[in-house]
Amino acid sequence: MRNYLKNKNIFFPIDKNFIRDKRLKIFKKTFGRINVFAKNKRHRGNILASVNKFKIIDCENCNFIHSWPIPSKQDLDNFYEKQFYESNRKKDYFSNQKRQIKWWDKIFLNRLEKFEDIIKKKGSIIDVGCGPGFFIKTAQKNGWKAHGIDPSPSVIKIAKQKLKLKNVKIMDYQDLVYEKKKYDIIYSNGVIEHIADPKKFLNILYKILKKRGILFLSAANDFNIFQYMSLKTTKKPWWIVPPEHINYFRVSDINKVFNKKKFKIKYLNTTFPIEVFLLMGDNYVKNKKLGKLSHFKRTAFEKNFEKLEMLNYREQIYKNFSDLGLGRAIEVIVQKK
């Protein structure tokens, strides 16, 4: 059983290696427990929070935090096909990313270099949950055979019309097994948080991956200690957003979702811990203008390492954050055995 910290009626799991102050109050119990059996699977764990009709549980069977009840496939299909990219938070997604494309291209190229270092060639890629297709565009420009799928008709329309991409289509990831195609690389950026059954998702991706092929995943690093500290400023758990995010991964939990007989972890790190600006008093949760400013400060910080050709040093800094469970997103590369 895990121990917890508590702030604003939110419980935060802490790891065994967490450095504790003697004055810090540690909880062994939370709001209660859930123990349910649904769709041939048991979900059992402590309740960390309640948001609208959802309970957020530290699931001992899944080995990661997720919401309960888990939305049905029909509800999720309706949400992503009709609502997700039309929401206020996502309505300027394409234009915002386009304005930042130079910064994103550097991220994409860095990831592509890691892929090539592992498989020793520029092969085939499928972007699962490709959105408007910016990663695919960069990969194709750099000699990769890149394809993409997304359940949202609106973003596939953007990918085809605005980015002139041809190898993209509207598709649910579950239908990939019927195509009988295999890929050198599966790329999935910020998708697994949205999936009703992450382990089923990984099993399907395993089936369409070539032998010794690699899978890249990124996921938000949630219920981290900087979020715990920031709640005094923000007053609400801004990262808990079911049904958009069903699952909540932590650095110490992410590798537990991979079947060790099927995958070998080749790389695990986190990105810049953007919550540090909340701790400095820049409440970007409440003030969206501060959100943009915090992002620009982050990119300025990272560009200094590029100018001085010290990218490996930056990588090590982020690895140190990762070892402490910090960083805004988790990035992991695993190779099929």
C-alpha atoms as a PDB file:
ATOM      1  CA  MET A   1       0.000   0.000   0.000  1.00  0.00           C
ATOM      2  CA  ARG A   2       1.205   3.472  -0.856  1.00  0.00           C
ATOM      3  CA  ASN A   3       1.524   6.521   1.347  1.00  0.00           C
ATOM      4  CA  TYR A   4       0.036   9.872   0.348  1.00  0.00           C
ATOM      5  CA  LEU A   5       0.298  13.615   0.704  1.00  0.00           C
ATOM      6  CA  LYS A   6      -2.886  15.688   0.749  1.00  0.00           C
ATOM      7  CA  ASN A   7      -3.658  19.198  -0.492  1.00  0.00           C
ATOM      8  CA  LYS A   8      -7.044  20.774  -1.352  1.00  0.00           C
ATOM      9  CA  ASN A   9      -8.881  17.457  -1.012  1.00  0.00           C
ATOM     10  CA  ILE A  10      -6.504  15.765  -3.469  1.00  0.00           C
ATOM     11  CA  PHE A  11      -4.291  12.854  -2.425  1.00  0.00           C
ATOM     12  CA  PHE A  12      -0.890  12.415  -4.067  1.00  0.00           C
ATOM     13  CA  PRO A  13       0.900   9.036  -4.016  1.00  0.00           C
ATOM     14  CA  ILE A  14       4.506   9.260  -2.856  1.00  0.00           C
ATOM     15  CA  ASP A  15       7.261   6.828  -3.734  1.00  0.00           C
ATOM     16  CA  LYS A  16       9.522   4.950  -1.340  1.00  0.00           C
ATOM     17  CA  ASN A  17      12.493   7.127  -2.322  1.00  0.00           C
ATOM     18  CA  PHE A  18      10.609  10.374  -1.646  1.00  0.00           C
ATOM     19  CA  ILE A  19      12.687  12.702   0.552  1.00  0.00           C
ATOM     20  CA  ARG A  20      10.484  13.520   3.520  1.00  0.00           C
ATOM     21  CA  ASP A  21      10.569  16.369   5.974  1.00  0.00           C
ATOM     22  CA  LYS A  22       9.663  15.161   9.452  1.00  0.00           C
ATOM     23  CA  ARG A  23       7.035  17.889   9.677  1.00  0.00           C
ATOM     24  CA  LEU A  24       5.251  16.646   6.550  1.00  0.00           C
ATOM     25  CA  LYS A  25       1.980  14.882   7.285  1.00  0.00           C
ATOM     26  CA  ILE A  26       1.781  11.481   5.591  1.00  0.00           C
ATOM     27  CA  PHE A  27      -1.531   9.675   5.028  1.00  0.00           C
ATOM     28  CA  LYS A  28      -1.998   5.922   4.739  1.00  0.00           C
ATOM     29  CA  LYS A  29      -5.713   6.197   3.930  1.00  0.00           C
ATOM     30  CA  THR A  30      -7.615   8.387   1.450  1.00  0.00           C
ATOM     31  CA  PHE A  31     -11.333   9.071   0.903  1.00  0.00           C
ATOM     32  CA  GLY A  32     -12.045   5.363   0.688  1.00  0.00           C
ATOM     33  CA  ARG A  33     -11.599   2.532  -1.770  1.00  0.00           C
ATOM     34  CA  ILE A  34     -13.156   1.236  -4.969  1.00  0.00           C
ATOM     35  CA  ASN A  35     -13.293  -2.472  -5.763  1.00  0.00           C
ATOM     36  CA  VAL A  36     -15.247  -3.241  -8.943  1.00  0.00           C
ATOM     37  CA  PHE A  37     -15.259  -5.871 -11.667  1.00  0.00           C
ATOM     38  CA  ALA A  38     -16.246  -4.694 -15.134  1.00  0.00           C
ATOM     39  CA  LYS A  39     -15.635  -6.040 -18.648  1.00  0.00           C
ATOM     40  CA  ASN A  40     -13.648  -9.011 -17.325  1.00  0.00           C
ATOM     41  CA  LYS A  41     -11.282  -6.737 -15.447  1.00  0.00           C
ATOM     42  CA  ARG A  42     -10.972  -5.749 -11.788  1.00  0.00           C
ATOM     43  CA  HIS A  43     -10.253  -2.173 -10.697  1.00  0.00           C
ATOM     44  CA  ARG A  44      -9.278  -1.791  -7.057  1.00  0.00           C
ATOM     45  CA  GLY A  45      -7.624   1.079  -5.252  1.00  0.00           C
ATOM     46  CA  ASN A  46      -7.740   4.172  -3.078  1.00  0.00           C
ATOM     47  CA  ILE A  47      -9.832   7.168  -4.123  1.00  0.00           C
ATOM     48  CA  LEU A  48      -7.583  10.212  -4.644  1.00  0.00           C
ATOM     49  CA  ALA A  49     -10.143  12.794  -5.784  1.00  0.00           C
ATOM     50  CA  SER A  50     -13.672  13.349  -7.081  1.00  0.00           C
ATOM     51  CA  VAL A  51     -14.377  15.477 -10.153  1.00  0.00           C
ATOM     52  CA  ASN A  52     -17.969  15.812 -11.355  1.00  0.00           C
ATOM     53  CA  LYS A  53     -19.325  12.254 -11.643  1.00  0.00           C
ATOM     54  CA  PHE A  54     -15.869  10.655 -11.673  1.00  0.00           C
ATOM     55  CA  LYS A  55     -13.734   9.176  -8.920  1.00  0.00           C
ATOM     56  CA  ILE A  56      -9.957   9.164  -9.471  1.00  0.00           C
ATOM     57  CA  ILE A  57      -8.454   5.937  -8.152  1.00  0.00           C
ATOM     58  CA  ASP A  58      -4.915   4.741  -7.535  1.00  0.00           C
ATOM     59  CA  CYS A  59      -5.601   1.397  -9.191  1.00  0.00           C
ATOM     60  CA  GLU A  60      -3.554  -1.496  -7.814  1.00  0.00           C
ATOM     61  CA  ASN A  61      -4.575  -3.821 -10.659  1.00  0.00           C
ATOM     62  CA  CYS A  62      -3.762  -1.438 -13.504  1.00  0.00           C
ATOM     63  CA  ASN A  63      -0.639  -0.023 -11.773  1.00  0.00           C
ATOM     64  CA  PHE A  64      -1.572   3.548 -12.676  1.00  0.00           C
ATOM     65  CA  ILE A  65      -4.129   6.172 -11.659  1.00  0.00           C
ATOM     66  CA  HIS A  66      -7.363   6.372 -13.646  1.00  0.00           C
ATOM     67  CA  SER A  67     -10.889   7.680 -13.435  1.00  0.00           C
ATOM     68  CA  TRP A  68     -13.961   5.646 -12.565  1.00  0.00           C
ATOM     69  CA  PRO A  69     -16.358   4.957 -14.171  1.00  0.00           C
ATOM     70  CA  ILE A  70     -14.421   4.475 -17.398  1.00  0.00           C
ATOM     71  CA  PRO A  71     -16.431   6.027 -20.263  1.00  0.00           C
ATOM     72  CA  SER A  72     -17.953   3.646 -22.803  1.00  0.00           C
ATOM     73  CA  LYS A  73     -16.526   3.339 -26.309  1.00  0.00           C
ATOM     74  CA  GLN A  74     -19.621   5.040 -27.717  1.00  0.00           C
ATOM     75  CA  ASP A  75     -19.241   8.003 -25.359  1.00  0.00           C
ATOM     76  CA  LEU A  76     -15.543   8.339 -26.206  1.00  0.00           C
ATOM     77  CA  ASP A  77     -16.203   8.046 -29.948  1.00  0.00           C
ATOM     78  CA  ASN A  78     -18.777  10.828 -29.731  1.00  0.00           C
ATOM     79  CA  PHE A  79     -16.432  12.972 -27.659  1.00  0.00           C
ATOM     80  CA  TYR A  80     -13.412  12.705 -29.994  1.00  0.00           C
ATOM     81  CA  GLU A  81     -15.296  12.711 -33.267  1.00  0.00           C
ATOM     82  CA  LYS A  82     -17.514  15.679 -32.440  1.00  0.00           C
ATOM     83  CA  GLN A  83     -16.326  17.612 -29.369  1.00  0.00           C
ATOM     84  CA  PHE A  84     -12.601  17.336 -28.569  1.00  0.00           C
ATOM     85  CA  TYR A  85     -11.048  19.634 -31.171  1.00  0.00           C
ATOM     86  CA  GLU A  86     -14.081  21.923 -31.088  1.00  0.00           C
ATOM     87  CA  SER A  87     -13.673  22.639 -27.366  1.00  0.00           C
ATOM     88  CA  ASN A  88     -12.493  26.076 -26.201  1.00  0.00           C
ATOM     89  CA  ARG A  89      -9.187  24.609 -25.047  1.00  0.00           C
ATOM     90  CA  LYS A  90      -8.447  23.016 -28.416  1.00  0.00           C
ATOM     91  CA  LYS A  91     -10.135  25.297 -30.952  1.00  0.00           C
ATOM     92  CA  ASP A  92      -6.880  27.167 -31.766  1.00  0.00           C
ATOM     93  CA  TYR A  93      -4.727  24.030 -31.609  1.00  0.00           C
ATOM     94  CA  PHE A  94      -3.663  24.117 -35.268  1.00  0.00           C
ATOM     95  CA  SER A  95      -2.838  27.835 -35.407  1.00  0.00           C
ATOM     96  CA  ASN A  96      -0.998  27.748 -32.054  1.00  0.00           C
ATOM     97  CA  GLN A  97       1.173  24.816 -33.071  1.00  0.00           C
ATOM     98  CA  LYS A  98       1.835  26.345 -36.479  1.00  0.00           C
ATOM     99  CA  ARG A  99       3.137  29.514 -34.801  1.00  0.00           C
ATOM    100  CA  GLN A 100       5.495  27.361 -32.737  1.00  0.00           C
ATOM    101  CA  ILE A 101       6.484  25.020 -35.559  1.00  0.00           C
ATOM    102  CA  LYS A 102      10.207  25.843 -35.456  1.00  0.00           C
ATOM    103  CA  TRP A 103      10.328  24.794 -31.813  1.00  0.00           C
ATOM    104  CA  TRP A 104       8.229  21.680 -32.479  1.00  0.00           C
ATOM    105  CA  ASP A 105      10.349  20.722 -35.492  1.00  0.00           C
ATOM    106  CA  LYS A 106      13.427  20.606 -33.275  1.00  0.00           C
ATOM    107  CA  ILE A 107      11.580  18.310 -30.864  1.00  0.00           C
ATOM    108  CA  PHE A 108      10.419  16.093 -33.741  1.00  0.00           C
ATOM    109  CA  LEU A 109      13.905  15.918 -35.251  1.00  0.00           C
ATOM    110  CA  ASN A 110      15.448  15.026 -31.898  1.00  0.00           C
ATOM    111  CA  ARG A 111      12.959  12.171 -31.535  1.00  0.00           C
ATOM    112  CA  LEU A 112      13.578  10.978 -35.104  1.00  0.00           C
ATOM    113  CA  GLU A 113      17.321  10.929 -34.435  1.00  0.00           C
ATOM    114  CA  LYS A 114      16.730   8.714 -31.392  1.00  0.00           C
ATOM    115  CA  PHE A 115      14.609   6.346 -33.494  1.00  0.00           C
ATOM    116  CA  GLU A 116      17.268   6.097 -36.212  1.00  0.00           C
ATOM    117  CA  ASP A 117      20.000   5.477 -33.633  1.00  0.00           C
ATOM    118  CA  ILE A 118      18.036   2.468 -32.362  1.00  0.00           C
ATOM    119  CA  ILE A 119      16.841   0.825 -35.597  1.00  0.00           C
ATOM    120  CA  LYS A 120      19.815   2.036 -37.723  1.00  0.00           C
ATOM    121  CA  LYS A 121      17.675   3.242 -40.639  1.00  0.00           C
ATOM    122  CA  LYS A 122      14.864   5.569 -41.702  1.00  0.00           C
ATOM    123  CA  GLY A 123      11.915   3.226 -41.982  1.00  0.00           C
ATOM    124  CA  SER A 124       8.135   3.260 -41.775  1.00  0.00           C
ATOM    125  CA  ILE A 125       6.230   5.203 -39.103  1.00  0.00           C
ATOM    126  CA  ILE A 126       2.603   5.323 -38.108  1.00  0.00           C
ATOM    127  CA  ASP A 127       1.463   8.213 -35.917  1.00  0.00           C
ATOM    128  CA  VAL A 128      -1.435   6.930 -33.819  1.00  0.00           C
ATOM    129  CA  GLY A 129      -3.522   9.930 -32.826  1.00  0.00           C
ATOM    130  CA  CYS A 130      -1.781  12.157 -35.346  1.00  0.00           C
ATOM    131  CA  GLY A 131      -3.933  15.284 -34.884  1.00  0.00           C
ATOM    132  CA  PRO A 132      -3.349  17.760 -37.734  1.00  0.00           C
ATOM    133  CA  GLY A 133      -0.176  15.933 -38.765  1.00  0.00           C
ATOM    134  CA  PHE A 134       2.775  18.205 -37.955  1.00  0.00           C
ATOM    135  CA  PHE A 135       4.998  15.299 -36.873  1.00  0.00           C
ATOM    136  CA  ILE A 136       4.163  13.373 -40.050  1.00  0.00           C
ATOM    137  CA  LYS A 137       5.088  16.382 -42.188  1.00  0.00           C
ATOM    138  CA  THR A 138       8.487  16.689 -40.499  1.00  0.00           C
ATOM    139  CA  ALA A 139       9.153  12.942 -40.698  1.00  0.00           C
ATOM    140  CA  GLN A 140       8.338  12.818 -44.415  1.00  0.00           C
ATOM    141  CA  LYS A 141      10.585  15.796 -45.140  1.00  0.00           C
ATOM    142  CA  ASN A 142      13.428  13.921 -43.478  1.00  0.00           C
ATOM    143  CA  GLY A 143      13.145  10.693 -45.418  1.00  0.00           C
ATOM    144  CA  TRP A 144      10.770   8.606 -43.304  1.00  0.00           C
ATOM    145  CA  LYS A 145       7.707   6.794 -44.703  1.00  0.00           C
ATOM    146  CA  ALA A 146       5.163   8.300 -42.344  1.00  0.00           C
ATOM    147  CA  HIS A 147       1.434   7.637 -42.036  1.00  0.00           C
ATOM    148  CA  GLY A 148      -1.158   8.771 -39.537  1.00  0.00           C
ATOM    149  CA  ILE A 149      -4.573   7.960 -38.103  1.00  0.00           C
ATOM    150  CA  ASP A 150      -6.935   9.912 -35.864  1.00  0.00           C
ATOM    151  CA  PRO A 151     -10.589   9.393 -34.877  1.00  0.00           C
ATOM    152  CA  SER A 152     -11.412  13.092 -35.373  1.00  0.00           C
ATOM    153  CA  PRO A 153     -12.695  14.006 -38.877  1.00  0.00           C
ATOM    154  CA  SER A 154     -11.961  17.696 -38.277  1.00  0.00           C
ATOM    155  CA  VAL A 155      -8.206  17.264 -37.721  1.00  0.00           C
ATOM    156  CA  ILE A 156      -7.808  14.802 -40.597  1.00  0.00           C
ATOM    157  CA  LYS A 157      -9.478  17.408 -42.802  1.00  0.00           C
ATOM    158  CA  ILE A 158      -6.921  19.976 -41.600  1.00  0.00           C
ATOM    159  CA  ALA A 159      -4.042  17.547 -42.205  1.00  0.00           C
ATOM    160  CA  LYS A 160      -5.168  16.962 -45.782  1.00  0.00           C
ATOM    161  CA  GLN A 161      -6.166  20.501 -46.692  1.00  0.00           C
ATOM    162  CA  LYS A 162      -3.663  22.674 -44.828  1.00  0.00           C
ATOM    163  CA  LEU A 163      -0.615  20.410 -44.581  1.00  0.00           C
ATOM    164  CA  LYS A 164      -1.355  18.609 -47.897  1.00  0.00           C
ATOM    165  CA  LEU A 165      -0.824  15.203 -46.312  1.00  0.00           C
ATOM    166  CA  LYS A 166      -2.056  12.147 -48.180  1.00  0.00           C
ATOM    167  CA  ASN A 167      -1.126   9.282 -45.876  1.00  0.00           C
ATOM    168  CA  VAL A 168      -3.594  10.182 -43.117  1.00  0.00           C
ATOM    169  CA  LYS A 169      -7.078   8.891 -42.438  1.00  0.00           C
ATOM    170  CA  ILE A 170      -9.925   8.756 -39.949  1.00  0.00           C
ATOM    171  CA  MET A 171      -9.514   5.552 -37.977  1.00  0.00           C
ATOM    172  CA  ASP A 172      -9.826   4.112 -34.493  1.00  0.00           C
ATOM    173  CA  TYR A 173      -6.602   2.491 -33.275  1.00  0.00           C
ATOM    174  CA  GLN A 174      -8.469  -0.780 -32.684  1.00  0.00           C
ATOM    175  CA  ASP A 175      -8.991  -1.181 -36.444  1.00  0.00           C
ATOM    176  CA  LEU A 176      -5.230  -1.230 -37.127  1.00  0.00           C
ATOM    177  CA  VAL A 177      -5.090  -5.007 -36.598  1.00  0.00           C
ATOM    178  CA  TYR A 178      -7.331  -5.532 -39.635  1.00  0.00           C
ATOM    179  CA  GLU A 179      -4.966  -3.725 -42.014  1.00  0.00           C
ATOM    180  CA  LYS A 180      -2.267  -6.394 -41.767  1.00  0.00           C
ATOM    181  CA  LYS A 181       0.527  -3.814 -41.991  1.00  0.00           C
ATOM    182  CA  LYS A 182       3.548  -3.622 -39.727  1.00  0.00           C
ATOM    183  CA  TYR A 183       5.756  -0.639 -38.975  1.00  0.00           C
ATOM    184  CA  ASP A 184       9.306   0.069 -37.851  1.00  0.00           C
ATOM    185  CA  ILE A 185       8.128   2.888 -35.591  1.00  0.00           C
ATOM    186  CA  ILE A 186       4.855   3.559 -33.813  1.00  0.00           C
ATOM    187  CA  TYR A 187       4.600   7.158 -32.630  1.00  0.00           C
ATOM    188  CA  SER A 188       1.910   8.182 -30.173  1.00  0.00           C
ATOM    189  CA  ASN A 189       2.196  11.609 -28.591  1.00  0.00           C
ATOM    190  CA  GLY A 190      -0.158  12.453 -25.727  1.00  0.00           C
ATOM    191  CA  VAL A 191      -2.699   9.733 -26.568  1.00  0.00           C
ATOM    192  CA  ILE A 192      -2.517   7.036 -23.892  1.00  0.00           C
ATOM    193  CA  GLU A 193      -4.069   9.371 -21.281  1.00  0.00           C
ATOM    194  CA  HIS A 194      -7.255   9.325 -23.393  1.00  0.00           C
ATOM    195  CA  ILE A 195      -7.537   5.554 -23.916  1.00  0.00           C
ATOM    196  CA  ALA A 196     -10.153   3.528 -22.024  1.00  0.00           C
ATOM    197  CA  ASP A 197      -7.912   0.445 -21.807  1.00  0.00           C
ATOM    198  CA  PRO A 198      -4.187   1.338 -22.098  1.00  0.00           C
ATOM    199  CA  LYS A 199      -3.008  -2.273 -21.859  1.00  0.00           C
ATOM    200  CA  LYS A 200      -5.286  -3.311 -24.745  1.00  0.00           C
ATOM    201  CA  PHE A 201      -3.953  -0.283 -26.651  1.00  0.00           C
ATOM    202  CA  LEU A 202      -0.361  -1.463 -26.121  1.00  0.00           C
ATOM    203  CA  ASN A 203      -1.232  -5.035 -27.121  1.00  0.00           C
ATOM    204  CA  ILE A 204      -2.656  -3.815 -30.438  1.00  0.00           C
ATOM    205  CA  LEU A 205       0.387  -1.628 -31.087  1.00  0.00           C
ATOM    206  CA  TYR A 206       2.631  -4.599 -30.320  1.00  0.00           C
ATOM    207  CA  LYS A 207       0.868  -6.637 -33.027  1.00  0.00           C
ATOM    208  CA  ILE A 208       1.485  -4.037 -35.759  1.00  0.00           C
ATOM    209  CA  LEU A 209       5.111  -3.436 -34.805  1.00  0.00           C
ATOM    210  CA  LYS A 210       7.883  -5.164 -36.739  1.00  0.00           C
ATOM    211  CA  LYS A 211      10.362  -7.332 -34.880  1.00  0.00           C
ATOM    212  CA  ARG A 212      12.861  -5.067 -33.080  1.00  0.00           C
ATOM    213  CA  GLY A 213      10.657  -2.121 -33.993  1.00  0.00           C
ATOM    214  CA  ILE A 214      10.135   0.674 -31.501  1.00  0.00           C
ATOM    215  CA  LEU A 215       7.212   2.402 -29.871  1.00  0.00           C
ATOM    216  CA  PHE A 216       7.384   6.037 -28.739  1.00  0.00           C
ATOM    217  CA  LEU A 217       4.874   7.258 -26.178  1.00  0.00           C
ATOM    218  CA  SER A 218       4.508  10.539 -24.381  1.00  0.00           C
ATOM    219  CA  ALA A 219       2.106  11.055 -21.506  1.00  0.00           C
ATOM    220  CA  ALA A 220       1.380  13.870 -19.098  1.00  0.00           C
ATOM    221  CA  ASN A 221       3.245  13.408 -15.801  1.00  0.00           C
ATOM    222  CA  ASP A 222       0.436  13.949 -13.344  1.00  0.00           C
ATOM    223  CA  PHE A 223       0.051  13.817  -9.560  1.00  0.00           C
ATOM    224  CA  ASN A 224       3.657  14.996  -9.315  1.00  0.00           C
ATOM    225  CA  ILE A 225       5.022  16.928  -6.338  1.00  0.00           C
ATOM    226  CA  PHE A 226       5.129  20.299  -8.137  1.00  0.00           C
ATOM    227  CA  GLN A 227       1.398  19.927  -8.787  1.00  0.00           C
ATOM    228  CA  TYR A 228       0.903  19.150  -5.106  1.00  0.00           C
ATOM    229  CA  MET A 229       2.793  22.320  -4.157  1.00  0.00           C
ATOM    230  CA  SER A 230       1.030  24.438  -6.806  1.00  0.00           C
ATOM    231  CA  LEU A 231      -2.461  23.711  -5.489  1.00  0.00           C
ATOM    232  CA  LYS A 232      -1.976  26.405  -2.853  1.00  0.00           C
ATOM    233  CA  THR A 233      -1.854  28.906  -5.744  1.00  0.00           C
ATOM    234  CA  THR A 234      -4.320  27.456  -8.237  1.00  0.00           C
ATOM    235  CA  LYS A 235      -6.937  26.164  -5.778  1.00  0.00           C
ATOM    236  CA  LYS A 236      -8.152  23.508  -8.219  1.00  0.00           C
ATOM    237  CA  PRO A 237      -6.644  20.356  -9.764  1.00  0.00           C
ATOM    238  CA  TRP A 238      -6.414  21.683 -13.329  1.00  0.00           C
ATOM    239  CA  TRP A 239      -4.864  18.484 -14.702  1.00  0.00           C
ATOM    240  CA  ILE A 240      -7.796  16.241 -13.668  1.00  0.00           C
ATOM    241  CA  VAL A 241     -10.091  16.461 -16.693  1.00  0.00           C
ATOM    242  CA  PRO A 242     -12.193  13.326 -17.249  1.00  0.00           C
ATOM    243  CA  PRO A 243     -13.503  12.178 -19.698  1.00  0.00           C
ATOM    244  CA  GLU A 244     -10.746  13.880 -21.729  1.00  0.00           C
ATOM    245  CA  HIS A 245      -7.999  12.353 -19.610  1.00  0.00           C
ATOM    246  CA  ILE A 246      -9.070   8.985 -18.281  1.00  0.00           C
ATOM    247  CA  ASN A 247      -5.596   7.909 -17.132  1.00  0.00           C
ATOM    248  CA  TYR A 248      -2.954   9.715 -15.057  1.00  0.00           C
ATOM    249  CA  PHE A 249       0.604   8.430 -15.259  1.00  0.00           C
ATOM    250  CA  ARG A 250       3.561   9.118 -13.000  1.00  0.00           C
ATOM    251  CA  VAL A 251       7.231   8.538 -13.813  1.00  0.00           C
ATOM    252  CA  SER A 252       7.431   5.681 -11.315  1.00  0.00           C
ATOM    253  CA  ASP A 253       4.330   4.021 -12.795  1.00  0.00           C
ATOM    254  CA  ILE A 254       4.754   4.405 -16.558  1.00  0.00           C
ATOM    255  CA  ASN A 255       7.119   1.481 -17.071  1.00  0.00           C
ATOM    256  CA  LYS A 256       4.718  -0.824 -15.208  1.00  0.00           C
ATOM    257  CA  VAL A 257       2.237  -0.675 -18.100  1.00  0.00           C
ATOM    258  CA  PHE A 258       4.672  -2.424 -20.450  1.00  0.00           C
ATOM    259  CA  ASN A 259       4.773  -6.207 -20.600  1.00  0.00           C
ATOM    260  CA  LYS A 260       8.434  -6.957 -19.899  1.00  0.00           C
ATOM    261  CA  LYS A 261       8.249 -10.114 -22.047  1.00  0.00           C
ATOM    262  CA  LYS A 262       7.202  -8.041 -25.055  1.00  0.00           C
ATOM    263  CA  PHE A 263       9.037  -4.724 -24.666  1.00  0.00           C
ATOM    264  CA  LYS A 264      12.391  -3.445 -23.485  1.00  0.00           C
ATOM    265  CA  ILE A 265      12.656   0.163 -22.335  1.00  0.00           C
ATOM    266  CA  LYS A 266      15.336   1.982 -24.332  1.00  0.00           C
ATOM    267  CA  TYR A 267      14.752   5.559 -23.167  1.00  0.00           C
ATOM    268  CA  LEU A 268      12.781   7.268 -20.399  1.00  0.00           C
ATOM    269  CA  ASN A 269      12.887  10.958 -19.552  1.00  0.00           C
ATOM    270  CA  THR A 270      10.663  13.925 -18.768  1.00  0.00           C
ATOM    271  CA  THR A 271      10.256  17.383 -20.255  1.00  0.00           C
ATOM    272  CA  PHE A 272      10.602  20.826 -18.664  1.00  0.00           C
ATOM    273  CA  PRO A 273       8.638  21.038 -15.360  1.00  0.00           C
ATOM    274  CA  ILE A 274       6.363  23.871 -16.452  1.00  0.00           C
ATOM    275  CA  GLU A 275       4.619  23.914 -13.026  1.00  0.00           C
ATOM    276  CA  VAL A 276       7.698  25.690 -11.679  1.00  0.00           C
ATOM    277  CA  PHE A 277       6.163  28.939 -12.981  1.00  0.00           C
ATOM    278  CA  LEU A 278       3.100  28.356 -10.803  1.00  0.00           C
ATOM    279  CA  LEU A 279       5.423  28.074  -7.824  1.00  0.00           C
ATOM    280  CA  MET A 280       6.984  31.409  -8.827  1.00  0.00           C
ATOM    281  CA  GLY A 281       3.564  33.081  -8.756  1.00  0.00           C
ATOM    282  CA  ASP A 282       2.668  32.997 -12.465  1.00  0.00           C
ATOM    283  CA  ASN A 283      -0.791  31.459 -12.256  1.00  0.00           C
ATOM    284  CA  TYR A 284      -1.180  30.360 -15.874  1.00  0.00           C
ATOM    285  CA  VAL A 285      -4.118  28.129 -14.906  1.00  0.00           C
ATOM    286  CA  LYS A 286      -6.184  31.207 -14.110  1.00  0.00           C
ATOM    287  CA  ASN A 287      -4.578  33.637 -16.585  1.00  0.00           C
ATOM    288  CA  LYS A 288      -4.085  32.187 -20.094  1.00  0.00           C
ATOM    289  CA  LYS A 289      -1.791  35.076 -21.072  1.00  0.00           C
ATOM    290  CA  LEU A 290       0.609  33.934 -18.367  1.00  0.00           C
ATOM    291  CA  GLY A 291       0.418  30.463 -19.910  1.00  0.00           C
ATOM    292  CA  LYS A 292       1.796  31.766 -23.189  1.00  0.00           C
ATOM    293  CA  LEU A 293       4.460  33.755 -21.359  1.00  0.00           C
ATOM    294  CA  SER A 294       5.511  30.696 -19.344  1.00  0.00           C
ATOM    295  CA  HIS A 295       5.821  28.708 -22.555  1.00  0.00           C
ATOM    296  CA  PHE A 296       8.008  31.382 -24.144  1.00  0.00           C
ATOM    297  CA  LYS A 297      10.241  31.414 -21.045  1.00  0.00           C
ATOM    298  CA  ARG A 298      10.563  27.667 -21.278  1.00  0.00           C
ATOM    299  CA  THR A 299      11.525  27.770 -24.976  1.00  0.00           C
ATOM    300  CA  ALA A 300      14.023  30.568 -24.284  1.00  0.00           C
ATOM    301  CA  PHE A 301      15.601  28.434 -21.564  1.00  0.00           C
ATOM    302  CA  GLU A 302      15.930  25.480 -23.933  1.00  0.00           C
ATOM    303  CA  LYS A 303      17.294  27.551 -26.830  1.00  0.00           C
ATOM    304  CA  ASN A 304      20.291  28.578 -24.732  1.00  0.00           C
ATOM    305  CA  PHE A 305      21.477  24.979 -24.679  1.00  0.00           C
ATOM    306  CA  GLU A 306      21.088  24.744 -28.466  1.00  0.00           C
ATOM    307  CA  LYS A 307      23.081  27.931 -29.069  1.00  0.00           C
ATOM    308  CA  LEU A 308      25.931  26.652 -26.916  1.00  0.00           C
ATOM    309  CA  GLU A 309      25.696  23.105 -28.341  1.00  0.00           C
ATOM    310  CA  MET A 310      24.970  21.675 -24.894  1.00  0.00           C
ATOM    311  CA  LEU A 311      21.892  19.562 -25.687  1.00  0.00           C
ATOM    312  CA  ASN A 312      23.273  16.541 -23.848  1.00  0.00           C
ATOM    313  CA  TYR A 313      23.674  18.668 -20.734  1.00  0.00           C
ATOM    314  CA  ARG A 314      20.020  19.758 -21.026  1.00  0.00           C
ATOM    315  CA  GLU A 315      19.014  16.131 -21.425  1.00  0.00           C
ATOM    316  CA  GLN A 316      20.842  15.275 -18.203  1.00  0.00           C
ATOM    317  CA  ILE A 317      19.129  18.109 -16.338  1.00  0.00           C
ATOM    318  CA  TYR A 318      15.769  16.720 -17.380  1.00  0.00           C
ATOM    319  CA  LYS A 319      16.894  13.226 -16.424  1.00  0.00           C
ATOM    320  CA  ASN A 320      17.596  14.532 -12.928  1.00  0.00           C
ATOM    321  CA  PHE A 321      14.076  15.971 -12.819  1.00  0.00           C
ATOM    322  CA  SER A 322      12.767  12.617 -14.048  1.00  0.00           C
ATOM    323  CA  ASP A 323      14.566  10.773 -11.239  1.00  0.00           C
ATOM    324  CA  LEU A 324      12.669  12.989  -8.787  1.00  0.00           C
ATOM    325  CA  GLY A 325       9.350  12.285 -10.531  1.00  0.00           C
ATOM    326  CA  LEU A 326       9.195  15.818 -11.961  1.00  0.00           C
ATOM    327  CA  GLY A 327       8.674  17.164 -15.483  1.00  0.00           C
ATOM    328  CA  ARG A 328       5.519  18.081 -17.385  1.00  0.00           C
ATOM    329  CA  ALA A 329       5.469  15.064 -19.705  1.00  0.00           C
ATOM    330  CA  ILE A 330       6.977  11.600 -19.690  1.00  0.00           C
ATOM    331  CA  GLU A 331       8.667  10.396 -22.882  1.00  0.00           C
ATOM    332  CA  VAL A 332       9.427   6.715 -23.279  1.00  0.00           C
ATOM    333  CA  ILE A 333      10.828   4.583 -26.109  1.00  0.00           C
ATOM    334  CA  VAL A 334      10.421   0.817 -25.917  1.00  0.00           C
ATOM    335  CA  GLN A 335      11.649  -1.834 -28.352  1.00  0.00           C
ATOM    336  CA  LYS A 336       9.771  -4.968 -29.318  1.00  0.00           C
ATOM    337  CA  LYS A 337      11.657  -8.080 -28.228  1.00  0.00           C
END
